[in-house]
Protein backbone atom coordinates (compact mmCIF):
# COMPACT_ATOMS: atom_id res chain seq x y z
CA MET A 1 -111.30 58.42 106.38
CA LEU A 2 -114.43 58.44 108.54
CA ALA A 3 -115.45 55.03 107.17
CA ILE A 4 -112.03 53.59 108.01
CA LYS A 5 -112.22 54.96 111.55
CA LYS A 6 -115.65 53.39 111.97
CA MET A 7 -114.36 50.03 110.73
CA ALA A 8 -111.49 50.16 113.22
CA ARG A 9 -113.72 51.26 116.10
CA ARG A 10 -116.62 48.84 115.67
CA PRO A 11 -115.45 45.36 114.66
CA GLU A 12 -118.70 43.56 113.95
CA PRO A 13 -119.00 39.78 114.08
CA VAL A 14 -119.32 37.84 110.86
CA ARG A 15 -122.81 37.99 109.44
CA ALA A 16 -124.46 34.66 108.81
CA HIS A 17 -125.00 33.94 105.15
CA LYS A 18 -127.12 31.06 104.02
CA ALA A 19 -124.96 28.33 102.53
CA PRO A 20 -125.98 26.93 99.13
CA GLY A 21 -127.64 23.53 98.88
CA PRO A 22 -125.54 20.40 98.22
CA ARG A 23 -126.16 20.38 94.46
CA ALA A 24 -125.30 24.06 94.06
CA ALA A 25 -122.23 23.63 96.27
CA LEU A 26 -121.01 20.64 94.24
CA ALA A 27 -121.48 22.61 91.01
CA LEU A 28 -119.60 25.56 92.49
CA MET A 29 -116.82 23.23 93.64
CA ALA A 30 -116.50 21.78 90.15
CA VAL A 31 -116.21 25.28 88.67
CA MET A 32 -113.60 26.23 91.27
CA VAL A 33 -111.46 23.16 90.53
CA LEU A 34 -111.74 23.86 86.81
CA VAL A 35 -110.77 27.53 87.27
CA TRP A 36 -107.69 26.64 89.31
CA GLY A 37 -106.72 23.74 87.08
CA LEU A 38 -106.98 25.73 83.85
CA ASN A 39 -104.93 28.52 85.39
CA TRP A 40 -101.69 26.53 85.25
CA PRO A 41 -101.32 26.63 81.46
CA ILE A 42 -102.71 30.19 81.47
CA MET A 43 -99.99 31.30 83.89
CA LYS A 44 -97.36 29.55 81.78
CA VAL A 45 -98.50 31.46 78.68
CA ALA A 46 -98.74 34.78 80.55
CA LEU A 47 -95.12 34.53 81.69
CA ALA A 48 -94.04 34.90 78.07
CA TYR A 49 -95.42 38.46 78.22
CA ILE A 50 -94.68 39.61 81.78
CA PRO A 51 -91.78 38.93 84.20
CA PRO A 52 -92.65 36.50 87.01
CA LEU A 53 -92.43 38.93 89.93
CA SER A 54 -94.52 41.55 88.13
CA PHE A 55 -97.10 38.87 87.36
CA ALA A 56 -97.28 37.88 91.04
CA LEU A 57 -97.71 41.53 92.04
CA ALA A 58 -100.46 42.11 89.48
CA ARG A 59 -102.36 39.03 90.65
CA LEU A 60 -102.19 40.08 94.31
CA LEU A 61 -103.35 43.63 93.62
CA LEU A 62 -106.14 42.54 91.29
CA GLY A 63 -107.30 39.85 93.72
CA ALA A 64 -107.33 42.35 96.59
CA PHE A 65 -109.27 44.88 94.52
CA PHE A 66 -112.03 42.45 93.60
CA LEU A 67 -112.30 40.98 97.11
CA PHE A 68 -112.55 44.49 98.57
CA ALA A 69 -115.36 45.13 96.08
CA ILE A 70 -117.16 41.90 97.07
CA LEU A 71 -116.91 42.72 100.78
CA ALA A 72 -117.97 46.33 100.29
CA ALA A 73 -120.99 45.26 98.24
CA SER A 74 -122.03 42.79 100.95
CA ARG A 75 -121.33 45.34 103.73
CA ARG A 76 -118.74 43.09 105.33
CA LEU A 77 -115.64 45.20 104.67
CA ALA A 78 -113.65 45.74 107.88
CA LEU A 79 -110.11 46.35 109.04
CA PRO A 80 -108.37 43.32 110.54
CA ALA A 81 -108.81 43.03 114.29
CA ARG A 82 -105.67 43.34 116.39
CA GLY A 83 -105.72 39.62 117.18
CA ASP A 84 -105.82 38.72 113.49
CA TRP A 85 -102.70 40.61 112.42
CA PRO A 86 -100.32 37.65 113.03
CA VAL A 87 -102.29 35.49 110.58
CA VAL A 88 -102.64 38.41 108.15
CA LEU A 89 -98.85 38.65 108.10
CA SER A 90 -98.13 34.91 107.91
CA VAL A 91 -100.63 34.23 105.14
CA GLY A 92 -99.72 37.40 103.26
CA LEU A 93 -95.98 36.76 103.36
CA LEU A 94 -95.88 32.96 103.08
CA GLN A 95 -99.03 31.57 101.45
CA LEU A 96 -99.41 34.50 99.03
CA ALA A 97 -96.14 36.37 98.43
CA ALA A 98 -93.62 33.54 98.82
CA PHE A 99 -95.89 30.97 97.18
CA LEU A 100 -96.69 33.08 94.10
CA VAL A 101 -93.10 34.27 93.65
CA CYS A 102 -91.72 30.72 93.82
CA VAL A 103 -94.48 29.32 91.59
CA ASN A 104 -94.03 31.99 88.91
CA LEU A 105 -90.25 31.66 88.93
CA GLY A 106 -90.63 27.88 88.82
CA LEU A 107 -93.06 28.06 85.90
CA THR A 108 -90.46 29.85 83.80
CA ARG A 109 -88.29 26.73 84.07
CA VAL A 110 -90.72 23.81 84.47
CA GLU A 111 -93.73 22.51 82.55
CA ALA A 112 -97.14 23.72 83.76
CA GLY A 113 -98.45 20.23 84.57
CA ARG A 114 -95.44 19.24 86.61
CA SER A 115 -95.55 22.64 88.36
CA ALA A 116 -99.15 22.03 89.42
CA VAL A 117 -98.28 18.65 90.92
CA LEU A 118 -95.19 19.80 92.85
CA SER A 119 -96.80 22.96 94.23
CA TYR A 120 -99.75 20.93 95.53
CA THR A 121 -97.54 18.69 97.68
CA THR A 122 -98.29 21.14 100.51
CA LEU A 123 -100.10 18.68 102.79
CA ILE A 124 -97.21 16.24 102.47
CA TRP A 125 -94.86 18.81 104.05
CA VAL A 126 -97.42 19.87 106.68
CA THR A 127 -97.28 16.42 108.29
CA PRO A 128 -93.54 16.12 109.12
CA ILE A 129 -93.32 19.80 110.14
CA ALA A 130 -96.26 19.39 112.53
CA VAL A 131 -94.74 16.24 114.02
CA ILE A 132 -91.18 17.60 114.40
CA ALA A 133 -91.84 21.26 115.27
CA LEU A 134 -95.23 21.11 116.99
CA GLY A 135 -95.18 17.67 118.57
CA GLU A 136 -98.31 16.40 116.80
CA ARG A 137 -98.87 12.66 116.84
CA LEU A 138 -98.06 10.83 113.60
CA THR A 139 -101.08 8.60 113.05
CA ALA A 140 -100.92 5.48 110.90
CA GLY A 141 -103.04 7.17 108.23
CA LYS A 142 -100.80 10.22 108.03
CA ALA A 143 -97.69 8.02 107.97
CA ILE A 144 -99.08 6.07 105.01
CA GLY A 145 -100.06 9.28 103.23
CA LEU A 146 -96.64 10.82 103.85
CA ALA A 147 -94.89 7.71 102.53
CA CYS A 148 -97.03 7.70 99.36
CA GLY A 149 -96.49 11.39 98.78
CA LEU A 150 -92.73 11.25 99.26
CA ALA A 151 -92.59 8.21 96.99
CA GLY A 152 -94.44 10.21 94.34
CA VAL A 153 -91.93 13.06 94.59
CA ALA A 154 -89.10 10.52 94.32
CA VAL A 155 -90.70 9.03 91.22
CA LEU A 156 -90.96 12.48 89.62
CA PHE A 157 -87.22 12.88 90.22
CA ASN A 158 -86.42 9.43 88.86
CA PRO A 159 -82.73 9.56 87.79
CA LEU A 160 -83.63 7.59 84.67
CA ASP A 161 -86.29 10.12 83.60
CA PHE A 162 -85.04 13.46 84.97
CA ASP A 163 -82.32 15.47 83.23
CA TRP A 164 -80.00 16.24 86.14
CA SER A 165 -77.71 18.27 83.87
CA ASP A 166 -80.50 20.83 83.29
CA GLY A 167 -79.64 23.50 85.87
CA PRO A 168 -82.69 25.74 85.26
CA ALA A 169 -85.01 22.73 85.61
CA LEU A 170 -83.40 21.74 88.91
CA VAL A 171 -83.81 25.29 90.24
CA GLY A 172 -87.39 25.44 88.96
CA ASN A 173 -88.38 22.17 90.62
CA GLY A 174 -86.76 23.32 93.86
CA LEU A 175 -88.68 26.60 93.74
CA LEU A 176 -91.98 24.77 93.30
CA LEU A 177 -91.26 22.55 96.30
CA ALA A 178 -90.27 25.69 98.25
CA ALA A 179 -93.65 27.20 97.31
CA ALA A 180 -95.42 24.15 98.74
CA LEU A 181 -93.29 24.36 101.90
CA ALA A 182 -94.14 28.07 102.41
CA TRP A 183 -97.84 27.26 102.06
CA ALA A 184 -97.47 24.36 104.51
CA ILE A 185 -95.94 26.59 107.21
CA SER A 186 -98.78 29.08 106.72
CA ILE A 187 -101.37 26.30 107.06
CA LEU A 188 -99.92 25.26 110.42
CA HIS A 189 -100.21 28.82 111.71
CA VAL A 190 -103.76 29.23 110.38
CA ARG A 191 -104.74 25.93 111.99
CA ARG A 192 -103.87 27.29 115.44
CA HIS A 193 -105.13 30.83 115.02
CA ALA A 194 -108.27 32.01 116.82
CA PHE A 195 -109.96 34.14 114.16
CA VAL A 196 -111.74 37.35 115.07
CA ARG A 197 -112.69 38.29 111.52
CA SER A 198 -113.72 35.75 108.91
CA THR A 199 -111.18 34.33 106.46
CA LEU A 200 -112.93 36.16 103.61
CA GLN A 201 -112.74 39.50 105.44
CA LEU A 202 -109.01 39.04 106.03
CA ALA A 203 -108.15 37.84 102.52
CA PRO A 204 -107.79 41.20 100.70
CA TRP A 205 -105.67 42.62 103.53
CA GLN A 206 -103.46 39.52 103.35
CA MET A 207 -103.05 40.14 99.62
CA LEU A 208 -102.06 43.75 100.23
CA VAL A 209 -99.50 42.62 102.83
CA GLY A 210 -98.13 40.08 100.36
CA ALA A 211 -97.95 42.71 97.62
CA VAL A 212 -95.50 44.86 99.63
CA PRO A 213 -92.41 42.56 99.52
CA VAL A 214 -93.25 41.50 95.97
CA ALA A 215 -93.36 45.16 94.89
CA ILE A 216 -89.95 45.70 96.50
CA LEU A 217 -88.55 42.69 94.63
CA VAL A 218 -89.98 44.02 91.37
CA LEU A 219 -88.32 47.41 91.93
CA LEU A 220 -84.98 45.79 92.81
CA PHE A 221 -84.72 42.95 90.31
CA GLU A 222 -87.11 43.33 87.38
CA ASP A 223 -87.29 45.58 84.36
CA THR A 224 -90.96 46.49 84.02
CA GLY A 225 -90.11 47.63 80.51
CA ALA A 226 -89.90 43.92 79.66
CA ILE A 227 -93.69 43.66 79.96
CA ARG A 228 -95.14 43.05 76.50
CA PRO A 229 -98.64 44.54 76.33
CA ALA A 230 -100.81 42.18 74.30
CA PRO A 231 -104.39 40.85 74.36
CA THR A 232 -103.06 37.50 75.63
CA LEU A 233 -101.57 39.18 78.70
CA TRP A 234 -104.71 41.21 79.44
CA LEU A 235 -106.84 38.06 79.19
CA ALA A 236 -104.48 36.18 81.51
CA LEU A 237 -104.60 39.01 84.06
CA ALA A 238 -108.39 39.23 83.76
CA TYR A 239 -108.55 35.49 84.46
CA ASN A 240 -106.09 35.56 87.37
CA GLY A 241 -107.44 38.61 89.22
CA PRO A 242 -111.23 38.26 89.36
CA LEU A 243 -111.49 34.52 88.62
CA ALA A 244 -108.48 32.50 89.83
CA THR A 245 -107.96 34.70 92.89
CA ALA A 246 -111.08 36.59 94.04
CA PHE A 247 -113.83 34.26 92.76
CA ALA A 248 -111.96 31.03 93.54
CA PHE A 249 -111.19 32.17 97.08
CA TRP A 250 -114.83 33.12 97.69
CA ALA A 251 -115.98 29.83 96.11
CA TRP A 252 -113.63 27.79 98.30
CA ILE A 253 -114.97 29.40 101.47
CA THR A 254 -118.58 28.99 100.31
CA VAL A 255 -118.06 25.32 99.45
CA ASN A 256 -116.37 24.68 102.81
CA ARG A 257 -119.48 26.02 104.56
CA ALA A 258 -121.87 23.89 102.52
CA LEU A 259 -120.16 20.50 102.18
CA PRO A 260 -118.44 18.07 104.56
CA ALA A 261 -114.75 18.72 105.18
CA VAL A 262 -113.81 15.36 103.67
CA THR A 263 -115.54 16.27 100.40
CA THR A 264 -113.80 19.62 100.04
CA ALA A 265 -110.42 18.20 101.07
CA MET A 266 -110.69 15.51 98.42
CA ALA A 267 -111.85 18.04 95.82
CA SER A 268 -108.60 19.99 96.15
CA LEU A 269 -106.78 16.91 94.88
CA ALA A 270 -108.49 17.36 91.52
CA VAL A 271 -106.67 20.67 90.93
CA PRO A 272 -103.21 19.26 90.05
CA VAL A 273 -104.89 16.54 87.99
CA ALA A 274 -106.91 19.17 86.11
CA GLY A 275 -103.78 21.30 85.72
CA THR A 276 -101.80 18.40 84.26
CA ILE A 277 -104.56 17.49 81.80
CA ALA A 278 -105.14 21.13 80.83
CA ALA A 279 -101.41 21.65 80.18
CA ALA A 280 -101.32 18.51 78.03
CA PHE A 281 -104.21 19.72 75.86
CA ALA A 282 -103.43 23.45 75.77
CA LEU A 283 -99.64 23.37 75.61
CA GLY A 284 -98.97 19.90 74.22
CA GLU A 285 -97.03 18.83 77.31
CA ARG A 286 -96.34 15.11 77.31
CA ILE A 287 -97.52 13.03 80.28
CA THR A 288 -94.79 10.40 80.69
CA PRO A 289 -95.38 7.09 82.48
CA THR A 290 -93.05 8.31 85.25
CA GLY A 291 -94.96 11.59 85.52
CA ALA A 292 -98.29 9.79 85.66
CA GLY A 293 -96.98 7.40 88.32
CA GLY A 294 -95.60 10.24 90.43
CA LEU A 295 -98.87 12.15 90.12
CA ALA A 296 -100.88 9.08 91.16
CA LEU A 297 -98.72 8.47 94.24
CA ILE A 298 -98.80 12.12 95.30
CA VAL A 299 -102.59 12.33 94.87
CA ALA A 300 -102.99 9.07 96.82
CA GLY A 301 -100.79 10.39 99.62
CA LEU A 302 -102.64 13.70 99.74
CA ALA A 303 -105.95 11.83 99.75
CA VAL A 304 -105.01 9.77 102.80
CA ILE A 305 -103.69 12.83 104.68
CA SER A 306 -106.72 14.90 103.70
CA LEU A 307 -109.15 12.24 104.90
CA GLU A 308 -107.26 11.85 108.18
CA THR A 309 -107.12 15.62 108.75
CA ALA A 310 -110.66 16.42 107.61
CA ARG A 311 -112.21 13.92 110.03
CA LYS A 312 -110.80 15.89 112.97
CA ALA A 313 -110.85 19.44 111.59
CA PRO A 314 -113.57 21.94 112.52
CA PRO A 315 -115.34 23.61 109.62
CA PRO A 316 -113.50 26.76 108.47
CA GLY A 317 -114.98 30.20 109.00
CA ALA A 318 -116.93 31.99 106.30
């Protein structure tokens, strides 16, 4: 209790940590992309053993636990400052809770590779929302990127290739696009927030905030007795908690501090590609010509938007 009171009373500024060199940062970035990419087939397999909402809750709690441990070990653990609570709530509820719930529900109905692609259309939705709701100027580069991205989504929903009679698949694809939309709204809020604490210091608190509505949904709608304890499930949880959540979040922040914004923005585009390839090898999912074309267009659109945004964006906090 005394420690918590001290944290609330004396909000210290972020301590400066030496960023890794370019080679180390590039290696860390490659590991991070691999971890996130491989997680798509891992999540798909895990959902055969645990209901989707329970899986989202477990990932949030495990991620928060390990990030709290990292911050405590580095003596950077602190309560969120009063000015940071709006972004704690928006990220916790939208980018974490809503995103994970929609992704997990979508994964129960859609292939892992396709899920990775649709959920990473986030930047495509950021652009029109920012223009319509916030009055941002639509540059030529962003317009081209938006057109490519929307064309890629249209290709993925090609009437000649998509089974429109498959109700669960339609719902699943819609949930994955909703996940990307929730993340996009959160990004727009984060972009305008004046941080008091660092993003890493706020992350575990955001996960705890996100865990609250997910826990309520689990209590209301899921039978936890449906969880099938098995080594496969424990391995998937061990991967998602410390690796895909805590480590990957820390790695992303570290890489952002060490490399140019354009480099890190472009690196994120490798995640859906890695997820699609990993799902093809691990789960035998077929990459159709239409799927490959849609993926290429979406990645191209995201690349153009990322380049346009990264040129003007300040480096994120550590």
